[in-house]
Protein backbone atom coordinates (compact mmCIF):
# COMPACT_ATOMS: atom_id res chain seq x y z
CA MET A 1 -15.23 2.06 -12.58
CA ILE A 2 -13.40 4.76 -10.62
CA VAL A 3 -16.46 5.55 -8.53
CA THR A 4 -17.03 1.85 -7.85
CA LEU A 5 -13.44 1.26 -6.71
CA VAL A 6 -13.42 4.33 -4.47
CA THR A 7 -16.77 3.34 -2.96
CA ILE A 8 -15.57 -0.19 -2.21
CA PHE A 9 -12.39 1.19 -0.65
CA ILE A 10 -14.30 3.63 1.56
CA ILE A 11 -16.74 0.94 2.74
CA GLY A 12 -13.89 -1.46 3.45
CA TYR A 13 -11.96 1.22 5.30
CA ALA A 14 -15.03 2.02 7.40
CA CYS A 15 -15.44 -1.65 8.30
CA ILE A 16 -11.80 -1.77 9.43
CA ALA A 17 -12.36 1.33 11.57
CA LEU A 18 -15.52 -0.19 13.08
CA GLU A 19 -13.90 -3.55 13.78
CA HIS A 20 -15.10 -3.79 17.37
CA PRO A 21 -18.74 -2.66 16.91
CA LEU A 22 -19.09 -4.96 13.89
CA LYS A 23 -17.20 -7.77 15.65
CA ILE A 24 -15.41 -8.66 12.41
CA ASN A 25 -11.63 -8.88 12.56
CA LYS A 26 -9.93 -6.13 10.56
CA THR A 27 -7.66 -8.65 8.86
CA ALA A 28 -10.62 -10.44 7.28
CA THR A 29 -11.96 -7.11 6.01
CA ALA A 30 -8.57 -6.04 4.64
CA LEU A 31 -8.11 -9.31 2.75
CA LEU A 32 -11.62 -9.06 1.30
CA LEU A 33 -10.99 -5.45 0.31
CA GLY A 34 -7.64 -6.27 -1.32
CA VAL A 35 -9.12 -9.05 -3.47
CA LEU A 36 -12.41 -7.30 -4.26
CA VAL A 37 -10.95 -4.09 -5.72
CA TRP A 38 -8.62 -6.07 -7.99
CA ALA A 39 -11.50 -8.31 -9.11
CA VAL A 40 -13.76 -5.34 -9.90
CA TYR A 41 -10.95 -3.56 -11.73
CA ASN A 42 -10.15 -6.64 -13.81
CA ILE A 43 -13.76 -7.53 -14.65
CA PHE A 44 -14.59 -3.95 -15.65
CA ASN A 45 -11.70 -3.77 -18.11
CA LEU A 46 -12.40 -7.22 -19.55
CA VAL A 47 -16.08 -6.46 -20.08
CA SER A 48 -15.66 -2.95 -21.42
CA GLY A 49 -12.52 -3.60 -23.43
CA GLY A 50 -11.59 0.03 -22.88
CA TYR A 51 -8.59 -0.62 -20.62
CA VAL A 52 -9.10 2.62 -18.72
CA ASN A 53 -5.97 4.52 -17.61
CA ILE A 54 -3.61 1.90 -19.06
CA ALA A 55 -1.38 3.92 -21.37
CA GLU A 56 0.99 0.99 -21.87
CA ILE A 57 -1.66 -1.04 -23.66
CA HIS A 58 -2.71 1.78 -25.97
CA GLU A 59 0.95 2.46 -26.84
CA ALA A 60 1.57 -1.23 -27.55
CA LEU A 61 -1.51 -1.45 -29.77
CA ALA A 62 -0.26 1.52 -31.78
CA SER A 63 3.15 -0.08 -32.30
CA PRO A 64 3.67 -1.78 -35.70
CA ASP A 65 5.77 -4.48 -33.99
CA ASN A 66 2.95 -5.60 -31.73
CA LYS A 67 1.61 -9.10 -32.45
CA LEU A 68 -0.62 -9.53 -29.42
CA SER A 69 -4.32 -8.90 -29.20
CA PRO A 70 -5.71 -6.30 -26.77
CA ILE A 71 -6.91 -9.01 -24.39
CA GLU A 72 -3.49 -10.67 -24.38
CA LEU A 73 -1.78 -7.35 -23.70
CA TYR A 74 -4.19 -6.64 -20.88
CA ARG A 75 -3.65 -10.03 -19.25
CA ASN A 76 0.12 -9.51 -19.40
CA PHE A 77 -0.34 -6.07 -17.85
CA VAL A 78 -2.48 -7.35 -14.95
CA SER A 79 -0.15 -10.27 -14.33
CA SER A 80 2.94 -8.08 -14.20
CA SER A 81 1.15 -5.46 -12.07
CA LEU A 82 0.06 -8.06 -9.53
CA VAL A 83 3.52 -9.59 -9.34
CA GLU A 84 5.18 -6.18 -9.00
CA ASN A 85 2.85 -4.93 -6.29
CA LEU A 86 2.81 -8.23 -4.44
CA GLY A 87 6.60 -8.11 -4.47
CA GLU A 88 6.61 -4.59 -2.98
CA THR A 89 4.12 -5.68 -0.33
CA ALA A 90 6.13 -8.82 0.42
CA GLU A 91 9.20 -6.65 1.06
CA ILE A 92 7.33 -4.89 3.88
CA VAL A 93 5.88 -8.15 5.19
CA PHE A 94 9.24 -9.93 5.38
CA PHE A 95 10.86 -6.83 6.85
CA LEU A 96 8.18 -6.78 9.54
CA LEU A 97 8.50 -10.52 10.13
CA GLY A 98 12.27 -10.30 10.54
CA ALA A 99 12.14 -7.26 12.84
CA MET A 100 9.44 -8.75 15.06
CA THR A 101 11.34 -12.04 15.34
CA ILE A 102 14.58 -10.29 16.34
CA VAL A 103 12.81 -8.15 18.92
CA THR A 104 10.94 -11.14 20.34
CA LEU A 105 14.19 -13.11 20.61
CA ILE A 106 15.75 -10.25 22.59
CA GLU A 107 12.66 -10.23 24.79
CA ASP A 108 12.76 -14.01 25.27
CA TYR A 109 16.38 -13.76 26.38
CA GLN A 110 15.38 -10.99 28.81
CA GLY A 111 17.70 -8.56 27.02
CA PHE A 112 15.38 -5.59 27.40
CA THR A 113 15.65 -5.82 31.18
CA ILE A 114 19.13 -4.33 30.79
CA ILE A 115 17.49 -1.17 29.40
CA THR A 116 14.37 -1.11 31.57
CA ASP A 117 16.49 -1.50 34.72
CA LYS A 118 18.16 1.79 33.79
CA ILE A 119 14.78 3.56 33.49
CA THR A 120 14.02 3.98 37.16
CA THR A 121 11.38 6.70 37.03
CA THR A 122 7.75 5.76 37.49
CA ASN A 123 6.47 9.32 37.05
CA LYS A 124 4.18 9.34 34.02
CA LYS A 125 5.31 12.72 32.71
CA LYS A 126 9.01 11.95 32.97
CA LEU A 127 8.55 8.51 31.47
CA LEU A 128 6.59 9.99 28.56
CA TRP A 129 9.50 12.31 27.75
CA VAL A 130 12.06 9.52 28.07
CA VAL A 131 10.13 7.15 25.82
CA SER A 132 9.32 9.84 23.22
CA ILE A 133 12.87 11.17 22.94
CA MET A 134 14.32 7.65 22.73
CA THR A 135 11.84 6.77 20.00
CA PHE A 136 12.45 9.99 18.05
CA PHE A 137 16.20 9.55 17.70
CA LEU A 138 16.18 5.76 17.43
CA SER A 139 13.71 6.04 14.54
CA ALA A 140 16.11 8.24 12.60
CA LEU A 141 18.84 5.64 13.04
CA LEU A 142 16.76 2.56 12.28
CA ASP A 143 13.35 3.22 10.73
CA ASN A 144 9.95 4.06 12.18
CA MET A 145 8.46 0.57 12.00
CA THR A 146 11.42 -1.23 13.58
CA THR A 147 11.69 1.43 16.28
CA ALA A 148 7.99 1.15 17.11
CA ILE A 149 8.33 -2.62 17.54
CA VAL A 150 11.34 -2.22 19.84
CA MET A 151 9.73 0.49 21.96
CA VAL A 152 6.46 -1.40 22.43
CA ALA A 153 8.48 -4.36 23.65
CA LEU A 154 10.09 -2.02 26.19
CA LEU A 155 6.74 -0.56 27.25
CA ARG A 156 5.48 -4.04 28.10
CA LYS A 157 8.28 -4.26 30.64
CA LEU A 158 7.53 -0.81 32.07
CA ILE A 159 3.74 -0.40 32.24
CA SER A 160 1.26 -3.01 33.44
CA ASP A 161 -2.06 -1.22 32.83
CA LYS A 162 -3.21 -1.79 29.25
CA LYS A 163 -4.92 1.56 28.64
CA GLU A 164 -2.00 3.52 30.09
CA ARG A 165 0.36 1.50 27.91
CA TRP A 166 -1.83 2.33 24.90
CA LEU A 167 -1.35 6.06 25.55
CA PHE A 168 2.41 5.64 25.60
CA ALA A 169 2.25 3.35 22.55
CA GLY A 170 0.30 6.07 20.74
CA MET A 171 3.09 8.52 21.48
CA VAL A 172 5.58 5.94 20.23
CA ILE A 173 3.79 5.99 16.86
CA LEU A 174 3.90 9.80 16.72
CA ALA A 175 7.54 10.01 17.79
CA ALA A 176 8.65 7.18 15.49
CA ASN A 177 7.04 8.78 12.43
CA ALA A 178 8.40 12.23 13.35
CA GLY A 179 11.87 10.82 13.92
CA GLY A 180 11.81 8.96 10.62
CA ALA A 181 10.80 12.06 8.64
CA TRP A 182 14.05 14.00 9.13
CA SER A 183 16.42 11.15 8.33
CA PRO A 184 17.09 9.90 4.79
CA ILE A 185 16.84 6.30 6.06
CA GLY A 186 14.12 6.76 8.70
CA ASP A 187 11.06 6.26 6.52
CA VAL A 188 10.26 4.59 3.21
CA THR A 189 9.18 7.89 1.65
CA THR A 190 12.36 9.73 2.65
CA ILE A 191 14.36 6.81 1.26
CA MET A 192 12.45 7.16 -2.03
CA LEU A 193 13.18 10.89 -2.24
CA TRP A 194 16.80 10.33 -1.25
CA ILE A 195 17.41 7.60 -3.81
CA LYS A 196 15.79 9.57 -6.65
CA GLY A 197 17.95 12.62 -5.82
CA GLN A 198 15.17 15.01 -4.78
CA VAL A 199 16.83 15.46 -1.38
CA THR A 200 20.38 15.03 -0.12
CA THR A 201 21.45 13.64 3.24
CA VAL A 202 22.70 16.74 5.05
CA ASN A 203 20.06 19.04 3.60
CA ILE A 204 17.05 16.93 4.58
CA MET A 205 18.40 16.53 8.10
CA VAL A 206 19.10 20.24 8.58
CA LYS A 207 15.86 21.50 7.06
CA THR A 208 13.40 19.06 8.65
CA LEU A 209 14.95 18.27 12.06
CA LEU A 210 13.35 21.21 13.89
CA PRO A 211 9.85 20.79 12.35
CA SER A 212 9.96 17.06 13.10
CA LEU A 213 11.09 17.74 16.65
CA VAL A 214 8.22 20.20 17.12
CA CYS A 215 5.84 17.60 15.69
CA MET A 216 6.91 15.25 18.48
CA VAL A 217 7.26 17.76 21.31
CA VAL A 218 3.84 19.45 21.00
CA PRO A 219 1.83 16.23 21.59
CA VAL A 220 4.15 15.28 24.46
CA ILE A 221 3.56 18.63 26.15
CA ILE A 222 -0.21 18.38 25.70
CA LEU A 223 -0.49 14.77 26.83
CA GLY A 224 2.02 15.30 29.65
CA SER A 225 -0.13 18.10 31.07
CA MET A 226 -3.00 15.62 31.43
CA LEU A 227 -1.01 12.81 33.02
CA LYS A 228 -0.77 12.58 36.78
CA GLY A 229 0.73 10.15 39.23
CA ASP A 230 2.97 7.16 38.68
CA ILE A 231 2.78 4.11 36.47
CA VAL A 232 2.63 0.62 37.94
CA ARG A 233 5.28 -1.69 36.64
CA PRO A 234 4.33 -5.28 35.78
CA ASP A 235 5.37 -8.01 38.15
CA GLU A 236 8.51 -9.84 37.24
CA GLU A 237 7.65 -12.92 35.23
CA HIS A 238 9.13 -16.07 36.67
CA SER A 239 9.02 -18.52 33.82
CA GLY A 240 11.63 -20.74 35.37
CA LEU A 241 14.00 -19.87 32.56
CA GLU A 242 17.41 -18.81 33.80
CA VAL A 243 19.34 -16.66 31.36
CA ALA A 244 22.87 -15.72 32.32
CA PRO A 245 23.61 -11.97 32.31
CA TRP A 246 26.24 -12.42 29.61
CA MET A 247 23.67 -14.10 27.35
CA ARG A 248 21.23 -11.24 27.86
CA ARG A 249 23.89 -8.73 26.87
CA LEU A 250 25.03 -10.80 23.90
CA VAL A 251 21.57 -11.22 22.39
CA LEU A 252 20.64 -7.59 23.09
CA ILE A 253 23.82 -6.23 21.48
CA MET A 254 23.60 -8.60 18.51
CA GLY A 255 19.91 -7.83 18.00
CA VAL A 256 20.31 -4.05 18.15
CA CYS A 257 23.43 -4.13 15.97
CA GLY A 258 21.54 -6.30 13.51
CA LEU A 259 18.76 -3.72 13.29
CA VAL A 260 21.26 -0.87 12.90
CA PHE A 261 23.05 -2.91 10.22
CA VAL A 262 19.99 -2.91 7.92
CA PRO A 263 20.37 0.67 6.56
CA ILE A 264 24.12 0.13 6.27
CA PHE A 265 23.49 -3.06 4.27
CA LYS A 266 21.16 -1.16 1.96
CA SER A 267 23.63 1.68 1.40
CA VAL A 268 26.53 -0.67 0.65
CA THR A 269 24.77 -3.31 -1.47
CA HIS A 270 21.87 -1.22 -2.87
CA LEU A 271 19.62 -4.19 -2.14
CA PRO A 272 16.18 -3.88 -0.49
CA PRO A 273 16.17 -3.43 3.32
CA TYR A 274 14.25 -6.67 3.96
CA LEU A 275 17.27 -8.68 2.77
CA GLY A 276 19.44 -6.94 5.34
CA MET A 277 16.81 -7.67 8.00
CA LEU A 278 16.71 -11.37 7.04
CA LEU A 279 20.52 -11.47 7.11
CA SER A 280 20.55 -10.03 10.63
CA LEU A 281 17.86 -12.50 11.68
CA SER A 282 19.83 -15.44 10.28
CA VAL A 283 22.96 -14.47 12.24
CA LEU A 284 21.00 -14.10 15.48
CA TRP A 285 19.13 -17.32 14.71
CA ILE A 286 22.38 -19.25 14.38
CA THR A 287 23.69 -17.68 17.59
CA THR A 288 20.60 -18.64 19.61
CA GLU A 289 20.70 -22.17 18.18
CA ILE A 290 24.27 -22.54 19.49
CA LEU A 291 23.37 -21.01 22.87
CA SER A 292 20.35 -23.29 23.19
CA ARG A 293 22.32 -26.40 22.31
CA LYS A 294 25.25 -25.68 24.63
CA HIS A 295 23.63 -23.99 27.63
CA SER A 296 20.11 -25.38 27.97
CA LYS A 297 19.42 -27.37 31.09
CA GLU A 298 17.00 -30.19 31.68
CA GLY A 299 13.50 -28.71 31.72
CA HIS A 300 14.81 -25.22 30.85
CA THR A 301 15.44 -24.99 27.11
CA LEU A 302 16.74 -21.66 25.87
CA PRO A 303 14.59 -20.17 23.09
CA THR A 304 15.54 -20.03 19.42
CA ALA A 305 14.00 -18.35 16.41
CA VAL A 306 12.04 -21.53 15.77
CA SER A 307 10.15 -21.22 19.05
CA THR A 308 9.66 -17.51 18.44
CA LEU A 309 8.18 -17.98 14.97
CA GLU A 310 5.66 -20.46 16.37
CA HIS A 311 3.75 -17.58 17.97
CA VAL A 312 4.32 -14.85 15.35
CA ASP A 313 1.39 -12.48 14.83
CA VAL A 314 0.15 -13.79 11.47
CA PRO A 315 -3.07 -11.66 11.44
CA THR A 316 -1.02 -8.44 11.46
CA ILE A 317 1.04 -9.65 8.52
CA LEU A 318 -2.09 -10.63 6.56
CA PHE A 319 -3.62 -7.23 7.38
CA PHE A 320 -0.61 -5.57 5.78
CA LEU A 321 -1.03 -7.79 2.74
CA GLY A 322 -4.71 -6.94 2.26
CA ILE A 323 -4.58 -3.18 2.81
CA LEU A 324 -1.43 -2.62 0.73
CA MET A 325 -2.76 -4.66 -2.19
CA ALA A 326 -5.99 -2.62 -2.10
CA VAL A 327 -3.96 0.60 -2.27
CA ALA A 328 -1.87 -0.90 -5.09
CA CYS A 329 -5.04 -1.33 -7.14
CA LEU A 330 -5.87 2.34 -6.63
CA LYS A 331 -2.42 3.15 -7.93
CA VAL A 332 -2.62 0.87 -10.98
CA SER A 333 -6.08 2.12 -11.88
CA GLY A 334 -4.77 5.69 -11.99
CA ILE A 335 -6.85 6.95 -9.07
CA LEU A 336 -3.86 8.11 -7.03
CA GLY A 337 -2.26 9.73 -10.05
CA GLY A 338 -5.52 11.53 -10.79
CA LEU A 339 -5.68 12.68 -7.19
CA ALA A 340 -2.19 14.13 -7.43
CA ASN A 341 -3.11 15.96 -10.64
CA ALA A 342 -6.23 17.37 -8.99
CA LEU A 343 -4.14 18.71 -6.11
CA ASP A 344 -1.76 20.31 -8.58
CA ALA A 345 -4.58 22.01 -10.49
CA THR A 346 -6.22 23.24 -7.28
CA PHE A 347 -3.30 24.57 -5.24
CA MET A 348 -0.19 25.10 -7.36
CA GLY A 349 -1.06 28.62 -8.53
CA ILE A 350 -1.65 30.04 -5.04
CA LYS A 351 0.68 32.85 -3.99
CA VAL A 352 1.10 35.14 -1.00
CA GLY A 353 2.36 38.36 -2.46
CA ASP A 354 5.12 37.30 -4.81
CA GLU A 355 5.80 34.07 -2.93
CA ALA A 356 4.55 30.80 -4.42
CA VAL A 357 3.06 28.84 -1.53
CA GLY A 358 0.74 26.43 -3.33
CA PHE A 359 3.19 23.55 -3.07
CA PHE A 360 3.12 23.85 0.74
CA LEU A 361 -0.63 23.21 0.65
CA ILE A 362 -0.21 20.27 -1.73
CA ASP A 363 2.30 18.66 0.63
CA MET A 364 0.04 19.20 3.65
CA VAL A 365 -2.95 17.61 1.90
CA ILE A 366 -0.77 14.67 0.84
CA GLY A 367 0.24 14.27 4.48
CA VAL A 368 -3.39 14.08 5.58
CA LEU A 369 -4.23 11.66 2.75
CA SER A 370 -1.30 9.44 3.77
CA SER A 371 -3.18 8.60 6.96
CA ILE A 372 -5.87 7.00 4.79
CA VAL A 373 -3.94 5.78 1.77
CA ASP A 374 -0.41 4.42 2.07
CA ASN A 375 2.10 7.25 1.70
CA VAL A 376 4.43 5.27 -0.59
CA PRO A 377 2.23 5.26 -3.75
CA LEU A 378 1.18 8.85 -3.04
CA VAL A 379 4.80 10.04 -2.95
CA ALA A 380 5.60 7.91 -6.01
CA ALA A 381 2.74 9.60 -7.88
CA VAL A 382 4.03 13.05 -6.91
CA GLN A 383 7.57 12.13 -7.96
CA GLY A 384 6.23 11.19 -11.37
CA MET A 385 4.27 14.45 -11.67
CA TYR A 386 7.20 16.75 -11.04
CA PRO A 387 10.26 15.58 -12.98
CA LEU A 388 13.58 16.58 -11.50
CA ASN A 389 15.23 19.20 -13.76
CA ASP A 390 13.52 17.82 -16.88
CA PRO A 391 13.30 20.62 -19.48
CA SER A 392 10.91 18.53 -21.59
CA ALA A 393 8.18 18.70 -18.93
CA ILE A 394 4.89 20.18 -20.04
CA ASP A 395 4.64 23.94 -19.68
CA PHE A 396 2.22 24.16 -16.76
CA THR A 397 4.11 21.63 -14.63
CA PRO A 398 6.78 23.22 -12.39
CA VAL A 399 10.07 21.37 -12.24
CA PHE A 400 11.51 21.50 -8.75
CA VAL A 401 15.28 21.38 -8.36
CA ALA A 402 16.95 19.04 -5.89
CA ASN A 403 16.59 20.16 -2.26
CA HIS A 404 13.73 22.48 -3.14
CA PRO A 405 11.45 23.05 -0.12
CA PHE A 406 8.71 21.17 -1.97
CA TRP A 407 10.62 17.88 -1.62
CA GLU A 408 11.77 18.56 1.94
CA PHE A 409 8.24 19.44 3.06
CA LEU A 410 6.88 16.41 1.22
CA ALA A 411 9.23 14.22 3.27
CA TYR A 412 7.97 15.81 6.48
CA CYS A 413 4.26 15.68 5.60
CA ALA A 414 4.22 12.18 4.13
CA GLY A 415 6.26 10.87 7.05
CA THR A 416 4.31 12.46 9.91
CA GLY A 417 0.82 12.66 8.39
CA GLY A 418 0.38 8.90 8.71
CA SER A 419 0.18 9.34 12.49
CA LEU A 420 -3.28 10.89 12.17
CA LEU A 421 -4.81 7.41 11.97
CA ILE A 422 -3.37 4.24 13.47
CA ILE A 423 -3.42 2.40 10.14
CA GLY A 424 -1.89 5.36 8.31
CA SER A 425 1.70 4.22 8.78
CA ALA A 426 3.70 1.02 9.03
CA ALA A 427 4.63 1.93 12.60
CA GLY A 428 0.97 2.35 13.51
CA VAL A 429 -0.08 -0.96 11.99
CA ALA A 430 2.78 -2.77 13.74
CA VAL A 431 1.84 -1.29 17.13
CA MET A 432 -1.85 -1.95 16.48
CA GLY A 433 -1.07 -5.61 15.85
CA MET A 434 1.20 -6.00 18.87
CA GLU A 435 -1.01 -4.20 21.39
CA LYS A 436 -4.44 -4.83 19.79
CA ILE A 437 -5.20 -1.11 19.96
CA ASP A 438 -8.72 -0.23 18.84
CA PHE A 439 -9.02 2.06 15.80
CA ILE A 440 -11.77 4.18 17.39
CA TRP A 441 -9.84 4.48 20.68
CA TYR A 442 -6.82 5.82 18.80
CA LEU A 443 -9.06 8.21 16.85
CA LYS A 444 -10.45 9.65 20.09
CA LYS A 445 -7.31 9.71 22.21
CA ILE A 446 -4.33 10.15 19.87
CA SER A 447 -5.42 11.49 16.47
CA TRP A 448 -6.06 15.04 17.72
CA LEU A 449 -2.63 15.07 19.36
CA ALA A 450 -1.09 13.89 16.11
CA LEU A 451 -2.93 16.65 14.22
CA ALA A 452 -1.68 19.30 16.67
CA GLY A 453 1.90 18.14 16.22
CA TYR A 454 1.55 17.82 12.45
CA VAL A 455 0.22 21.37 12.04
CA ALA A 456 2.74 22.84 14.50
CA GLY A 457 5.66 21.25 12.68
CA ALA A 458 4.29 22.38 9.33
CA VAL A 459 3.98 25.97 10.55
CA VAL A 460 7.58 25.87 11.76
CA PHE A 461 8.81 24.53 8.41
CA ILE A 462 6.88 27.13 6.39
CA ALA A 463 8.04 29.93 8.68
CA MET A 464 11.65 28.80 8.41
CA ASN A 465 11.46 28.87 4.62
CA LEU A 466 9.41 32.03 4.08
CA LEU A 467 10.87 34.20 6.82
CA PHE A 468 14.49 33.15 7.04
CA GLU A 469 15.33 32.34 3.42
CA PRO A 470 15.98 35.55 1.46
CA TYR A 471 14.97 34.30 -1.99
CA GLU A 472 11.69 33.66 -3.77
CA TRP A 473 10.66 30.09 -4.50
CA TRP A 474 9.60 30.69 -8.07
CA SER A 475 13.26 31.43 -8.91
CA THR A 476 14.18 27.83 -8.00
CA MET A 477 11.80 26.42 -10.62
CA VAL A 478 12.99 25.64 -14.11
């Protein structure tokens, strides 16, 4: 079964990558992949009756209080697994839907012109630095996916040529993922590590800021050395819609504050971020409804969220649904957990002198894998493998204390490794959907830049920890 699932996933992934040569939309392939792996997994277990890698069922069968048959236990397991994973996927989908609607509303009210009017340079090199630095720090404040959506909306106002805009959008993905990696609220994986107590706020920021900055700066320097001349700005669109300057400012400020409010909402209420995003959207929705009703003129109706949602990018949302459900099946079937165990057995014992360095290699491989398989289940599998200060852990499993370099480096690698492929991160998928960037184009033009930045940042992190910390890592293991 494992071989069959992996084979199906690889073939489906290849079809997504070859979307343009095959002339089959990637969303259709992702949906087929998501359903097919679950169907194969379910049929295999029903036919064999072995319920491979499902410890819960075997434990329940051994319990004297159990009154259900194996098939009934299995059906309950599959049902709960589907609901749980669909719920996790829906959180991302609704978060994306809310963020894209807010950004589009700001764009419809011409709010971004307030920012783009301040960016006067047309020099490609200077603009690349401006966009990358803005993205890097904004991503740490918001999150990488929301920041990518905002910055692509800005790029549409700054660059008219599609292929030139794609280059800058590629750097937005790299900078957004790098910026999210050093902040406890900048990326889903750092949030997971932060909530579980593996990292603390100040420590993760101090230890990973410089590597993340290097991860962003190296590609900018390389790409900037190849850019020449000036960009051509798009012509001003004259839709006939007149938006007063005060309305532009109001919607821009409310929209940005709404996005910034999301991590605050999560910290205060401990509720999922998508609820905070929907709350921000509802407030802006009500505001635009009032503006439209009071200030629209005959033949010039001000937009509301209703008009924005009419042209939402549904294929991108369905692509998320398909690919994340396929990865969820790999998690439920135990494939990702087995992969994590294999990494542990291969690398954990490696030392340089008396220094244990195997965990650095594990983190780097996880970062590369996160460009193929979603980083969230990978990090979740690793969190389960290495209990935090649990003395009952099996003898050969190291137990890393809070703020151990293993966790900090995992945050960096899982956050930035997704940039290696355009569908390796939420930011990449969002940009891909908005700009219709080709997978193969990104692989040729951006992936090698992402790899250069990823390795450079990793080298900086390892050097910081091995050269400038005067203690041996094995002493921090229980």
